[in-house]
mmCIF file of all heavy atoms, coordinates in Angstrom:
data_MODEL
# 
_entry.id   MODEL 
# 
loop_
_atom_site.group_PDB 
_atom_site.id 
_atom_site.type_symbol 
_atom_site.label_atom_id 
_atom_site.label_alt_id 
_atom_site.label_comp_id 
_atom_site.label_asym_id 
_atom_site.label_entity_id 
_atom_site.label_seq_id 
_atom_site.pdbx_PDB_ins_code 
_atom_site.Cartn_x 
_atom_site.Cartn_y 
_atom_site.Cartn_z 
_atom_site.occupancy 
_atom_site.B_iso_or_equiv 
_atom_site.pdbx_formal_charge 
_atom_site.auth_seq_id 
_atom_site.auth_comp_id 
_atom_site.auth_asym_id 
_atom_site.auth_atom_id 
_atom_site.pdbx_PDB_model_num 
ATOM 1   N N   . ALA A 1 1  ? 6.278   -7.813  -20.163 1.00 0.00 ? 1  ALA A N   1 
ATOM 2   C CA  . ALA A 1 1  ? 5.086   -7.648  -21.020 1.00 0.00 ? 1  ALA A CA  1 
ATOM 3   C C   . ALA A 1 1  ? 3.866   -7.602  -20.137 1.00 0.00 ? 1  ALA A C   1 
ATOM 4   O O   . ALA A 1 1  ? 3.754   -8.369  -19.184 1.00 0.00 ? 1  ALA A O   1 
ATOM 5   C CB  . ALA A 1 1  ? 4.974   -8.811  -22.010 1.00 0.00 ? 1  ALA A CB  1 
ATOM 6   N N   . GLN A 1 2  ? 2.977   -6.687  -20.455 1.00 0.00 ? 2  GLN A N   1 
ATOM 7   C CA  . GLN A 1 2  ? 1.734   -6.562  -19.670 1.00 0.00 ? 2  GLN A CA  1 
ATOM 8   C C   . GLN A 1 2  ? 0.787   -7.723  -19.953 1.00 0.00 ? 2  GLN A C   1 
ATOM 9   O O   . GLN A 1 2  ? 0.698   -8.211  -21.090 1.00 0.00 ? 2  GLN A O   1 
ATOM 10  C CB  . GLN A 1 2  ? 1.063   -5.225  -20.011 1.00 0.00 ? 2  GLN A CB  1 
ATOM 11  C CG  . GLN A 1 2  ? -0.194  -4.925  -19.224 1.00 0.00 ? 2  GLN A CG  1 
ATOM 12  C CD  . GLN A 1 2  ? -1.460  -5.312  -19.985 1.00 0.00 ? 2  GLN A CD  1 
ATOM 13  O OE1 . GLN A 1 2  ? -1.490  -5.234  -21.222 1.00 0.00 ? 2  GLN A OE1 1 
ATOM 14  N NE2 . GLN A 1 2  ? -2.498  -5.736  -19.282 1.00 0.00 ? 2  GLN A NE2 1 
ATOM 15  N N   . GLY A 1 3  ? 0.142   -8.181  -18.882 1.00 0.00 ? 3  GLY A N   1 
ATOM 16  C CA  . GLY A 1 3  ? -0.835  -9.253  -19.023 1.00 0.00 ? 3  GLY A CA  1 
ATOM 17  C C   . GLY A 1 3  ? -1.995  -8.987  -18.089 1.00 0.00 ? 3  GLY A C   1 
ATOM 18  O O   . GLY A 1 3  ? -2.072  -7.958  -17.421 1.00 0.00 ? 3  GLY A O   1 
ATOM 19  N N   . SER A 1 4  ? -2.935  -9.913  -18.070 1.00 0.00 ? 4  SER A N   1 
ATOM 20  C CA  . SER A 1 4  ? -4.093  -9.811  -17.179 1.00 0.00 ? 4  SER A CA  1 
ATOM 21  C C   . SER A 1 4  ? -4.517  -11.221 -16.760 1.00 0.00 ? 4  SER A C   1 
ATOM 22  O O   . SER A 1 4  ? -4.199  -12.198 -17.441 1.00 0.00 ? 4  SER A O   1 
ATOM 23  C CB  . SER A 1 4  ? -5.247  -9.035  -17.808 1.00 0.00 ? 4  SER A CB  1 
ATOM 24  O OG  . SER A 1 4  ? -5.587  -9.586  -19.057 1.00 0.00 ? 4  SER A OG  1 
ATOM 25  N N   . ASP A 1 5  ? -5.237  -11.297 -15.642 1.00 0.00 ? 5  ASP A N   1 
ATOM 26  C CA  . ASP A 1 5  ? -5.498  -12.599 -15.026 1.00 0.00 ? 5  ASP A CA  1 
ATOM 27  C C   . ASP A 1 5  ? -6.889  -12.588 -14.403 1.00 0.00 ? 5  ASP A C   1 
ATOM 28  O O   . ASP A 1 5  ? -7.096  -11.955 -13.358 1.00 0.00 ? 5  ASP A O   1 
ATOM 29  C CB  . ASP A 1 5  ? -4.415  -12.862 -13.962 1.00 0.00 ? 5  ASP A CB  1 
ATOM 30  C CG  . ASP A 1 5  ? -4.423  -14.270 -13.425 1.00 0.00 ? 5  ASP A CG  1 
ATOM 31  O OD1 . ASP A 1 5  ? -5.533  -14.799 -13.127 1.00 0.00 ? 5  ASP A OD1 1 
ATOM 32  O OD2 . ASP A 1 5  ? -3.322  -14.862 -13.270 1.00 0.00 ? 5  ASP A OD2 1 
ATOM 33  N N   . GLY A 1 6  ? -7.843  -13.310 -15.046 1.00 0.00 ? 6  GLY A N   1 
ATOM 34  C CA  . GLY A 1 6  ? -9.184  -13.433 -14.475 1.00 0.00 ? 6  GLY A CA  1 
ATOM 35  C C   . GLY A 1 6  ? -9.482  -14.812 -13.942 1.00 0.00 ? 6  GLY A C   1 
ATOM 36  O O   . GLY A 1 6  ? -10.471 -15.010 -13.209 1.00 0.00 ? 6  GLY A O   1 
ATOM 37  N N   . GLY A 1 7  ? -8.665  -15.798 -14.324 1.00 0.00 ? 7  GLY A N   1 
ATOM 38  C CA  . GLY A 1 7  ? -8.836  -17.160 -13.806 1.00 0.00 ? 7  GLY A CA  1 
ATOM 39  C C   . GLY A 1 7  ? -7.530  -17.928 -13.863 1.00 0.00 ? 7  GLY A C   1 
ATOM 40  O O   . GLY A 1 7  ? -7.526  -19.149 -13.767 1.00 0.00 ? 7  GLY A O   1 
ATOM 41  N N   . GLY A 1 8  ? -6.431  -17.181 -14.066 1.00 0.00 ? 8  GLY A N   1 
ATOM 42  C CA  . GLY A 1 8  ? -5.096  -17.789 -14.166 1.00 0.00 ? 8  GLY A CA  1 
ATOM 43  C C   . GLY A 1 8  ? -4.323  -17.272 -15.343 1.00 0.00 ? 8  GLY A C   1 
ATOM 44  O O   . GLY A 1 8  ? -3.256  -17.815 -15.673 1.00 0.00 ? 8  GLY A O   1 
ATOM 45  N N   . SER A 1 9  ? -4.816  -16.264 -16.041 1.00 0.00 ? 9  SER A N   1 
ATOM 46  C CA  . SER A 1 9  ? -4.294  -15.906 -17.368 1.00 0.00 ? 9  SER A CA  1 
ATOM 47  C C   . SER A 1 9  ? -2.936  -15.265 -17.377 1.00 0.00 ? 9  SER A C   1 
ATOM 48  O O   . SER A 1 9  ? -2.364  -15.060 -18.481 1.00 0.00 ? 9  SER A O   1 
ATOM 49  C CB  . SER A 1 9  ? -5.300  -14.976 -18.075 1.00 0.00 ? 9  SER A CB  1 
ATOM 50  O OG  . SER A 1 9  ? -6.437  -15.680 -18.451 1.00 0.00 ? 9  SER A OG  1 
ATOM 51  N N   . ILE A 1 10 ? -2.366  -14.922 -16.248 1.00 0.00 ? 10 ILE A N   1 
ATOM 52  C CA  . ILE A 1 10 ? -0.938  -14.563 -16.157 1.00 0.00 ? 10 ILE A CA  1 
ATOM 53  C C   . ILE A 1 10 ? -0.136  -15.777 -15.715 1.00 0.00 ? 10 ILE A C   1 
ATOM 54  O O   . ILE A 1 10 ? 0.922   -16.099 -16.278 1.00 0.00 ? 10 ILE A O   1 
ATOM 55  C CB  . ILE A 1 10 ? -0.713  -13.399 -15.179 1.00 0.00 ? 10 ILE A CB  1 
ATOM 56  C CG1 . ILE A 1 10 ? -1.225  -12.076 -15.766 1.00 0.00 ? 10 ILE A CG1 1 
ATOM 57  C CG2 . ILE A 1 10 ? 0.765   -13.269 -14.803 1.00 0.00 ? 10 ILE A CG2 1 
ATOM 58  C CD1 . ILE A 1 10 ? -1.135  -10.878 -14.834 1.00 0.00 ? 10 ILE A CD1 1 
ATOM 59  N N   . ARG A 1 11 ? -0.645  -16.514 -14.732 1.00 0.00 ? 11 ARG A N   1 
ATOM 60  C CA  . ARG A 1 11 ? 0.147   -17.614 -14.135 1.00 0.00 ? 11 ARG A CA  1 
ATOM 61  C C   . ARG A 1 11 ? 0.213   -18.832 -15.045 1.00 0.00 ? 11 ARG A C   1 
ATOM 62  O O   . ARG A 1 11 ? 1.218   -19.524 -15.081 1.00 0.00 ? 11 ARG A O   1 
ATOM 63  C CB  . ARG A 1 11 ? -0.477  -17.951 -12.774 1.00 0.00 ? 11 ARG A CB  1 
ATOM 64  C CG  . ARG A 1 11 ? -0.291  -16.836 -11.744 1.00 0.00 ? 11 ARG A CG  1 
ATOM 65  C CD  . ARG A 1 11 ? -1.317  -16.940 -10.621 1.00 0.00 ? 11 ARG A CD  1 
ATOM 66  N NE  . ARG A 1 11 ? -2.629  -16.605 -11.081 1.00 0.00 ? 11 ARG A NE  1 
ATOM 67  C CZ  . ARG A 1 11 ? -3.747  -17.257 -10.711 1.00 0.00 ? 11 ARG A CZ  1 
ATOM 68  N NH1 . ARG A 1 11 ? -3.699  -18.261 -9.878  1.00 0.00 ? 11 ARG A NH1 1 
ATOM 69  N NH2 . ARG A 1 11 ? -4.925  -16.857 -11.165 1.00 0.00 ? 11 ARG A NH2 1 
ATOM 70  N N   . ILE A 1 12 ? -0.858  -19.097 -15.804 1.00 0.00 ? 12 ILE A N   1 
ATOM 71  C CA  . ILE A 1 12 ? -0.845  -20.251 -16.715 1.00 0.00 ? 12 ILE A CA  1 
ATOM 72  C C   . ILE A 1 12 ? 0.245   -20.119 -17.765 1.00 0.00 ? 12 ILE A C   1 
ATOM 73  O O   . ILE A 1 12 ? 1.080   -20.999 -17.916 1.00 0.00 ? 12 ILE A O   1 
ATOM 74  C CB  . ILE A 1 12 ? -2.228  -20.436 -17.355 1.00 0.00 ? 12 ILE A CB  1 
ATOM 75  C CG1 . ILE A 1 12 ? -3.275  -20.821 -16.289 1.00 0.00 ? 12 ILE A CG1 1 
ATOM 76  C CG2 . ILE A 1 12 ? -2.186  -21.488 -18.447 1.00 0.00 ? 12 ILE A CG2 1 
ATOM 77  C CD1 . ILE A 1 12 ? -4.711  -20.639 -16.745 1.00 0.00 ? 12 ILE A CD1 1 
ATOM 78  N N   . PRO A 1 13 ? 0.303   -18.988 -18.529 1.00 0.00 ? 13 PRO A N   1 
ATOM 79  C CA  . PRO A 1 13 ? 1.388   -18.839 -19.483 1.00 0.00 ? 13 PRO A CA  1 
ATOM 80  C C   . PRO A 1 13 ? 2.754   -18.714 -18.808 1.00 0.00 ? 13 PRO A C   1 
ATOM 81  O O   . PRO A 1 13 ? 3.784   -19.093 -19.411 1.00 0.00 ? 13 PRO A O   1 
ATOM 82  C CB  . PRO A 1 13 ? 1.020   -17.588 -20.274 1.00 0.00 ? 13 PRO A CB  1 
ATOM 83  C CG  . PRO A 1 13 ? -0.001  -16.875 -19.458 1.00 0.00 ? 13 PRO A CG  1 
ATOM 84  C CD  . PRO A 1 13 ? -0.687  -17.916 -18.667 1.00 0.00 ? 13 PRO A CD  1 
ATOM 85  N N   . ALA A 1 14 ? 2.803   -18.160 -17.596 1.00 0.00 ? 14 ALA A N   1 
ATOM 86  C CA  . ALA A 1 14 ? 4.092   -18.098 -16.883 1.00 0.00 ? 14 ALA A CA  1 
ATOM 87  C C   . ALA A 1 14 ? 4.645   -19.499 -16.703 1.00 0.00 ? 14 ALA A C   1 
ATOM 88  O O   . ALA A 1 14 ? 5.822   -19.766 -16.889 1.00 0.00 ? 14 ALA A O   1 
ATOM 89  C CB  . ALA A 1 14 ? 3.938   -17.394 -15.558 1.00 0.00 ? 14 ALA A CB  1 
ATOM 90  N N   . SER A 1 15 ? 3.758   -20.441 -16.317 1.00 0.00 ? 15 SER A N   1 
ATOM 91  C CA  . SER A 1 15 ? 4.183   -21.817 -16.129 1.00 0.00 ? 15 SER A CA  1 
ATOM 92  C C   . SER A 1 15 ? 4.596   -22.445 -17.438 1.00 0.00 ? 15 SER A C   1 
ATOM 93  O O   . SER A 1 15 ? 5.645   -23.113 -17.545 1.00 0.00 ? 15 SER A O   1 
ATOM 94  C CB  . SER A 1 15 ? 3.054   -22.628 -15.481 1.00 0.00 ? 15 SER A CB  1 
ATOM 95  O OG  . SER A 1 15 ? 3.449   -23.960 -15.230 1.00 0.00 ? 15 SER A OG  1 
ATOM 96  N N   . CYS A 1 16 ? 3.823   -22.263 -18.487 1.00 0.00 ? 16 CYS A N   1 
ATOM 97  C CA  . CYS A 1 16 ? 4.121   -22.863 -19.785 1.00 0.00 ? 16 CYS A CA  1 
ATOM 98  C C   . CYS A 1 16 ? 5.405   -22.331 -20.385 1.00 0.00 ? 16 CYS A C   1 
ATOM 99  O O   . CYS A 1 16 ? 6.058   -22.998 -21.179 1.00 0.00 ? 16 CYS A O   1 
ATOM 100 C CB  . CYS A 1 16 ? 2.970   -22.608 -20.751 1.00 0.00 ? 16 CYS A CB  1 
ATOM 101 S SG  . CYS A 1 16 ? 1.469   -23.544 -20.410 1.00 0.00 ? 16 CYS A SG  1 
ATOM 102 N N   . CYS A 1 17 ? 5.784   -21.075 -20.059 1.00 0.00 ? 17 CYS A N   1 
ATOM 103 C CA  . CYS A 1 17 ? 6.938   -20.429 -20.682 1.00 0.00 ? 17 CYS A CA  1 
ATOM 104 C C   . CYS A 1 17 ? 8.101   -20.237 -19.741 1.00 0.00 ? 17 CYS A C   1 
ATOM 105 O O   . CYS A 1 17 ? 9.079   -19.588 -20.130 1.00 0.00 ? 17 CYS A O   1 
ATOM 106 C CB  . CYS A 1 17 ? 6.497   -19.113 -21.295 1.00 0.00 ? 17 CYS A CB  1 
ATOM 107 S SG  . CYS A 1 17 ? 5.323   -19.292 -22.679 1.00 0.00 ? 17 CYS A SG  1 
ATOM 108 N N   . GLY A 1 18 ? 8.018   -20.759 -18.496 1.00 0.00 ? 18 GLY A N   1 
ATOM 109 C CA  . GLY A 1 18 ? 9.144   -20.668 -17.590 1.00 0.00 ? 18 GLY A CA  1 
ATOM 110 C C   . GLY A 1 18 ? 9.413   -19.232 -17.109 1.00 0.00 ? 18 GLY A C   1 
ATOM 111 O O   . GLY A 1 18 ? 10.571  -18.802 -17.039 1.00 0.00 ? 18 GLY A O   1 
ATOM 112 N N   . LEU A 1 19 ? 8.359   -18.520 -16.746 1.00 0.00 ? 19 LEU A N   1 
ATOM 113 C CA  . LEU A 1 19 ? 8.460   -17.109 -16.342 1.00 0.00 ? 19 LEU A CA  1 
ATOM 114 C C   . LEU A 1 19 ? 7.909   -16.880 -14.953 1.00 0.00 ? 19 LEU A C   1 
ATOM 115 O O   . LEU A 1 19 ? 7.290   -17.739 -14.356 1.00 0.00 ? 19 LEU A O   1 
ATOM 116 C CB  . LEU A 1 19 ? 7.706   -16.235 -17.341 1.00 0.00 ? 19 LEU A CB  1 
ATOM 117 C CG  . LEU A 1 19 ? 8.154   -16.292 -18.809 1.00 0.00 ? 19 LEU A CG  1 
ATOM 118 C CD1 . LEU A 1 19 ? 7.212   -15.489 -19.670 1.00 0.00 ? 19 LEU A CD1 1 
ATOM 119 C CD2 . LEU A 1 19 ? 9.586   -15.805 -18.951 1.00 0.00 ? 19 LEU A CD2 1 
ATOM 120 N N   . VAL A 1 20 ? 8.114   -15.655 -14.488 1.00 0.00 ? 20 VAL A N   1 
ATOM 121 C CA  . VAL A 1 20 ? 7.499   -15.180 -13.239 1.00 0.00 ? 20 VAL A CA  1 
ATOM 122 C C   . VAL A 1 20 ? 6.188   -14.515 -13.632 1.00 0.00 ? 20 VAL A C   1 
ATOM 123 O O   . VAL A 1 20 ? 6.143   -13.610 -14.506 1.00 0.00 ? 20 VAL A O   1 
ATOM 124 C CB  . VAL A 1 20 ? 8.425   -14.175 -12.515 1.00 0.00 ? 20 VAL A CB  1 
ATOM 125 C CG1 . VAL A 1 20 ? 7.727   -13.639 -11.262 1.00 0.00 ? 20 VAL A CG1 1 
ATOM 126 C CG2 . VAL A 1 20 ? 9.727   -14.853 -12.158 1.00 0.00 ? 20 VAL A CG2 1 
ATOM 127 N N   . GLY A 1 21 ? 5.111   -14.907 -12.968 1.00 0.00 ? 21 GLY A N   1 
ATOM 128 C CA  . GLY A 1 21 ? 3.793   -14.307 -13.260 1.00 0.00 ? 21 GLY A CA  1 
ATOM 129 C C   . GLY A 1 21 ? 3.012   -14.097 -11.979 1.00 0.00 ? 21 GLY A C   1 
ATOM 130 O O   . GLY A 1 21 ? 2.614   -15.074 -11.306 1.00 0.00 ? 21 GLY A O   1 
ATOM 131 N N   . LEU A 1 22 ? 2.769   -12.841 -11.619 1.00 0.00 ? 22 LEU A N   1 
ATOM 132 C CA  . LEU A 1 22 ? 2.057   -12.512 -10.370 1.00 0.00 ? 22 LEU A CA  1 
ATOM 133 C C   . LEU A 1 22 ? 0.646   -12.048 -10.674 1.00 0.00 ? 22 LEU A C   1 
ATOM 134 O O   . LEU A 1 22 ? 0.415   -11.142 -11.515 1.00 0.00 ? 22 LEU A O   1 
ATOM 135 C CB  . LEU A 1 22 ? 2.791   -11.395 -9.654  1.00 0.00 ? 22 LEU A CB  1 
ATOM 136 C CG  . LEU A 1 22 ? 2.060   -10.742 -8.456  1.00 0.00 ? 22 LEU A CG  1 
ATOM 137 C CD1 . LEU A 1 22 ? 1.905   -11.696 -7.305  1.00 0.00 ? 22 LEU A CD1 1 
ATOM 138 C CD2 . LEU A 1 22 ? 2.791   -9.452  -8.022  1.00 0.00 ? 22 LEU A CD2 1 
ATOM 139 N N   . LYS A 1 23 ? -0.326  -12.658 -10.016 1.00 0.00 ? 23 LYS A N   1 
ATOM 140 C CA  . LYS A 1 23 ? -1.691  -12.092 -9.928  1.00 0.00 ? 23 LYS A CA  1 
ATOM 141 C C   . LYS A 1 23 ? -1.796  -11.334 -8.632  1.00 0.00 ? 23 LYS A C   1 
ATOM 142 O O   . LYS A 1 23 ? -1.765  -11.922 -7.559  1.00 0.00 ? 23 LYS A O   1 
ATOM 143 C CB  . LYS A 1 23 ? -2.768  -13.196 -9.959  1.00 0.00 ? 23 LYS A CB  1 
ATOM 144 C CG  . LYS A 1 23 ? -4.176  -12.622 -9.994  1.00 0.00 ? 23 LYS A CG  1 
ATOM 145 C CD  . LYS A 1 23 ? -5.217  -13.538 -9.381  1.00 0.00 ? 23 LYS A CD  1 
ATOM 146 C CE  . LYS A 1 23 ? -5.237  -13.450 -7.872  1.00 0.00 ? 23 LYS A CE  1 
ATOM 147 N NZ  . LYS A 1 23 ? -5.827  -12.174 -7.376  1.00 0.00 ? 23 LYS A NZ  1 
ATOM 148 N N   . PRO A 1 24 ? -1.887  -10.002 -8.668  1.00 0.00 ? 24 PRO A N   1 
ATOM 149 C CA  . PRO A 1 24 ? -1.982  -9.254  -7.424  1.00 0.00 ? 24 PRO A CA  1 
ATOM 150 C C   . PRO A 1 24 ? -3.311  -9.444  -6.739  1.00 0.00 ? 24 PRO A C   1 
ATOM 151 O O   . PRO A 1 24 ? -4.269  -10.045 -7.280  1.00 0.00 ? 24 PRO A O   1 
ATOM 152 C CB  . PRO A 1 24 ? -1.842  -7.782  -7.921  1.00 0.00 ? 24 PRO A CB  1 
ATOM 153 C CG  . PRO A 1 24 ? -1.254  -7.867  -9.299  1.00 0.00 ? 24 PRO A CG  1 
ATOM 154 C CD  . PRO A 1 24 ? -1.763  -9.159  -9.847  1.00 0.00 ? 24 PRO A CD  1 
ATOM 155 N N   . SER A 1 25 ? -3.386  -8.972  -5.503  1.00 0.00 ? 25 SER A N   1 
ATOM 156 C CA  . SER A 1 25 ? -4.647  -9.032  -4.758  1.00 0.00 ? 25 SER A CA  1 
ATOM 157 C C   . SER A 1 25 ? -5.761  -8.253  -5.468  1.00 0.00 ? 25 SER A C   1 
ATOM 158 O O   . SER A 1 25 ? -5.484  -7.290  -6.237  1.00 0.00 ? 25 SER A O   1 
ATOM 159 C CB  . SER A 1 25 ? -4.471  -8.396  -3.366  1.00 0.00 ? 25 SER A CB  1 
ATOM 160 O OG  . SER A 1 25 ? -3.577  -9.119  -2.586  1.00 0.00 ? 25 SER A OG  1 
ATOM 161 N N   . ARG A 1 26 ? -6.986  -8.653  -5.233  1.00 0.00 ? 26 ARG A N   1 
ATOM 162 C CA  . ARG A 1 26 ? -8.130  -7.929  -5.783  1.00 0.00 ? 26 ARG A CA  1 
ATOM 163 C C   . ARG A 1 26 ? -8.032  -6.446  -5.341  1.00 0.00 ? 26 ARG A C   1 
ATOM 164 O O   . ARG A 1 26 ? -7.909  -6.129  -4.148  1.00 0.00 ? 26 ARG A O   1 
ATOM 165 C CB  . ARG A 1 26 ? -9.428  -8.520  -5.283  1.00 0.00 ? 26 ARG A CB  1 
ATOM 166 C CG  . ARG A 1 26 ? -10.681 -7.816  -5.813  1.00 0.00 ? 26 ARG A CG  1 
ATOM 167 C CD  . ARG A 1 26 ? -11.938 -8.548  -5.329  1.00 0.00 ? 26 ARG A CD  1 
ATOM 168 N NE  . ARG A 1 26 ? -12.006 -9.869  -5.899  1.00 0.00 ? 26 ARG A NE  1 
ATOM 169 C CZ  . ARG A 1 26 ? -12.360 -10.984 -5.233  1.00 0.00 ? 26 ARG A CZ  1 
ATOM 170 N NH1 . ARG A 1 26 ? -12.659 -10.913 -3.944  1.00 0.00 ? 26 ARG A NH1 1 
ATOM 171 N NH2 . ARG A 1 26 ? -12.411 -12.155 -5.839  1.00 0.00 ? 26 ARG A NH2 1 
ATOM 172 N N   . GLY A 1 27 ? -8.077  -5.578  -6.334  1.00 0.00 ? 27 GLY A N   1 
ATOM 173 C CA  . GLY A 1 27 ? -8.032  -4.148  -6.045  1.00 0.00 ? 27 GLY A CA  1 
ATOM 174 C C   . GLY A 1 27 ? -6.659  -3.537  -5.968  1.00 0.00 ? 27 GLY A C   1 
ATOM 175 O O   . GLY A 1 27 ? -6.492  -2.309  -5.950  1.00 0.00 ? 27 GLY A O   1 
# 
């Protein structure tokens, strides 16, 4: 599922839901 992350918004739900969540480098 597509997501986005401006302050943790991919990684926070990844942790809560037991998933892999990557915030790529800026750009």
